Amino acid sequence: MSTSLSPSAEKVQQALRAEGFANEVIERAHSTRSAVEAAAAVGCEVGQIAKSIVFRAKGSGRAILVVASGPNRVNERAIEALIGERLGKADADYVRERTGYVIGGVPPVGHASKIETFIDEALTRFPEIWAAAGTPNAVFKLTPDELVRMTGGQVVSIA
């Protein structure tokens, strides 16, 4: 099934397989860049969209990934308390360098380097969720438990 995927989406598919997950990456004709677009494309609630937001820790420069439920905004102060330093915005070049993907298509897995990850506890109320898969048109379905296992992320309140 993955033979017709774009190179970035195929990279995510291969990362999933390498970690022993059977989730299938799918690409859509229309954009899944925003949570609203992604929910419309796959036919789910906006809350079921696991959006990946990359921050840059100001002191260390390390990448921090927050996987948030579609409608939720990240309370940066809550994440700062968890990591012990201030957060800054990550520009497109930084996101691409650290993850290997463009903004709007950053998956929770398959990054260019290991990224400390925090997962919005709001995602755990759904039996299934959807995450970006390497391009603004690619997604894959997973469970909140799979998300935690795939990322090694910590489930926290981001609100």
Protein backbone atom coordinates (compact mmCIF):
# COMPACT_ATOMS: atom_id res chain seq x y z
CA MET A 1 0.00 0.00 0.00
CA SER A 2 2.84 2.40 0.79
CA THR A 3 4.41 2.19 -2.70
CA SER A 4 2.34 5.15 -3.93
CA LEU A 5 3.35 7.47 -1.09
CA SER A 6 5.46 10.58 -1.54
CA PRO A 7 9.04 10.31 -0.23
CA SER A 8 8.31 12.10 3.08
CA ALA A 9 5.17 10.07 3.75
CA GLU A 10 7.05 6.88 2.85
CA LYS A 11 9.75 7.88 5.35
CA VAL A 12 7.07 8.00 8.08
CA GLN A 13 5.64 4.67 6.94
CA GLN A 14 9.10 3.10 7.15
CA ALA A 15 9.70 4.62 10.61
CA LEU A 16 6.44 3.08 11.83
CA ARG A 17 7.39 -0.33 10.40
CA ALA A 18 10.91 -0.13 11.86
CA GLU A 19 9.39 0.36 15.32
CA GLY A 20 7.01 -2.59 14.82
CA PHE A 21 3.79 -0.64 14.23
CA ALA A 22 1.26 -1.69 11.57
CA ASN A 23 -0.38 1.76 11.15
CA GLU A 24 -0.90 2.76 7.51
CA VAL A 25 0.01 6.18 6.18
CA ILE A 26 -2.50 7.59 3.71
CA GLU A 27 -2.22 10.64 1.48
CA ARG A 28 -5.20 12.76 0.56
CA ALA A 29 -5.81 14.91 -2.51
CA HIS A 30 -6.67 17.85 -0.25
CA SER A 31 -4.61 19.47 2.49
CA THR A 32 -4.57 18.08 6.01
CA ARG A 33 -2.25 20.89 7.17
CA SER A 34 -4.66 22.32 9.77
CA ALA A 35 -6.58 20.33 12.38
CA VAL A 36 -9.89 21.40 10.80
CA GLU A 37 -8.75 20.31 7.32
CA ALA A 38 -7.43 17.01 8.64
CA ALA A 39 -10.64 16.25 10.55
CA ALA A 40 -12.73 16.98 7.45
CA ALA A 41 -10.48 14.78 5.30
CA VAL A 42 -10.70 11.72 7.55
CA GLY A 43 -14.20 12.26 8.94
CA CYS A 44 -13.47 12.69 12.63
CA GLU A 45 -13.80 15.33 15.36
CA VAL A 46 -11.21 18.10 15.38
CA GLY A 47 -10.24 16.92 18.88
CA GLN A 48 -9.08 13.60 17.40
CA ILE A 49 -6.36 15.33 15.38
CA ALA A 50 -2.96 15.01 17.06
CA LYS A 51 -1.16 18.13 15.87
CA SER A 52 2.62 18.24 16.26
CA ILE A 53 4.01 21.57 17.42
CA VAL A 54 7.77 22.01 17.67
CA PHE A 55 9.27 24.54 20.09
CA ARG A 56 12.86 25.58 20.64
CA ALA A 57 14.08 25.66 24.23
CA LYS A 58 15.69 29.09 24.65
CA GLY A 59 18.54 28.11 26.94
CA SER A 60 19.68 24.82 25.45
CA GLY A 61 18.34 25.16 21.92
CA ARG A 62 16.89 21.64 22.11
CA ALA A 63 13.73 20.76 20.23
CA ILE A 64 10.57 20.12 22.23
CA LEU A 65 7.59 18.45 20.56
CA VAL A 66 4.08 18.94 21.91
CA VAL A 67 1.42 16.70 20.38
CA ALA A 68 -1.80 18.57 21.05
CA SER A 69 -5.46 17.80 20.46
CA GLY A 70 -6.69 19.75 17.42
CA PRO A 71 -8.60 22.61 19.05
CA ASN A 72 -6.23 23.05 21.98
CA ARG A 73 -3.63 25.77 22.39
CA VAL A 74 -0.39 24.97 24.16
CA ASN A 75 0.16 26.76 27.46
CA GLU A 76 3.86 27.41 27.02
CA ARG A 77 4.30 28.16 30.73
CA ALA A 78 3.09 24.62 31.59
CA ILE A 79 5.66 23.08 29.23
CA GLU A 80 8.38 25.42 30.52
CA ALA A 81 7.68 24.19 34.06
CA LEU A 82 8.16 20.61 32.84
CA ILE A 83 11.43 21.21 30.99
CA GLY A 84 12.93 23.76 33.37
CA GLU A 85 13.61 26.45 30.78
CA ARG A 86 11.85 29.00 28.60
CA LEU A 87 10.34 28.07 25.25
CA GLY A 88 10.78 29.98 22.04
CA LYS A 89 9.19 29.69 18.64
CA ALA A 90 10.77 27.32 16.17
CA ASP A 91 11.06 28.71 12.64
CA ALA A 92 10.55 26.58 9.53
CA ASP A 93 14.27 25.92 9.04
CA TYR A 94 14.71 24.78 12.64
CA VAL A 95 11.67 22.48 12.43
CA ARG A 96 12.93 20.94 9.19
CA GLU A 97 16.47 20.51 10.57
CA ARG A 98 15.34 18.84 13.80
CA THR A 99 12.47 16.73 12.47
CA GLY A 100 13.21 16.25 8.77
CA TYR A 101 9.72 17.49 7.87
CA VAL A 102 7.96 20.73 6.92
CA ILE A 103 5.59 22.57 9.24
CA GLY A 104 2.07 21.27 8.59
CA GLY A 105 3.33 17.73 8.01
CA VAL A 106 5.45 17.02 11.10
CA PRO A 107 4.64 13.51 12.33
CA PRO A 108 5.07 12.38 15.93
CA VAL A 109 7.64 9.76 14.77
CA GLY A 110 10.55 9.33 12.38
CA HIS A 111 12.42 12.51 13.24
CA ALA A 112 15.93 13.39 12.14
CA SER A 113 16.98 13.39 15.82
CA LYS A 114 15.48 12.35 19.16
CA ILE A 115 12.99 14.93 20.40
CA GLU A 116 11.59 15.25 23.93
CA THR A 117 7.84 14.84 23.53
CA PHE A 118 4.80 15.87 25.55
CA ILE A 119 1.32 14.55 24.69
CA ASP A 120 -1.89 16.44 25.41
CA GLU A 121 -3.94 14.44 27.89
CA ALA A 122 -7.08 15.51 25.97
CA LEU A 123 -6.11 13.04 23.23
CA THR A 124 -6.52 10.12 25.65
CA ARG A 125 -10.31 10.48 25.73
CA PHE A 126 -10.59 9.22 22.14
CA PRO A 127 -10.35 5.56 21.10
CA GLU A 128 -8.58 6.61 17.91
CA ILE A 129 -6.75 9.71 16.77
CA TRP A 130 -5.06 10.92 13.58
CA ALA A 131 -1.56 12.36 13.17
CA ALA A 132 0.37 14.04 10.37
CA ALA A 133 2.57 11.73 8.33
CA GLY A 134 5.33 13.78 6.72
CA THR A 135 3.50 16.06 4.30
CA PRO A 136 0.59 18.52 4.54
CA ASN A 137 -1.56 15.87 2.80
CA ALA A 138 -0.57 12.69 4.69
CA VAL A 139 -2.00 11.25 7.91
CA PHE A 140 -2.20 8.01 9.83
CA LYS A 141 -4.66 6.61 12.37
CA LEU A 142 -3.46 5.44 15.77
CA THR A 143 -4.56 5.08 19.37
CA PRO A 144 -3.43 7.34 22.21
CA ASP A 145 -1.57 4.36 23.70
CA GLU A 146 0.27 3.82 20.42
CA LEU A 147 1.20 7.51 20.38
CA VAL A 148 2.78 7.20 23.81
CA ARG A 149 4.67 4.04 22.83
CA MET A 150 5.81 5.49 19.47
CA THR A 151 7.16 8.70 20.94
CA GLY A 152 8.12 7.78 24.47
CA GLY A 153 6.21 10.96 25.26
CA GLN A 154 4.86 12.09 28.58
CA VAL A 155 1.08 12.64 28.83
CA VAL A 156 0.48 16.05 30.42
CA SER A 157 -2.08 18.83 30.67
CA ILE A 158 -1.10 21.42 28.07
CA ALA A 159 -3.98 23.81 28.79
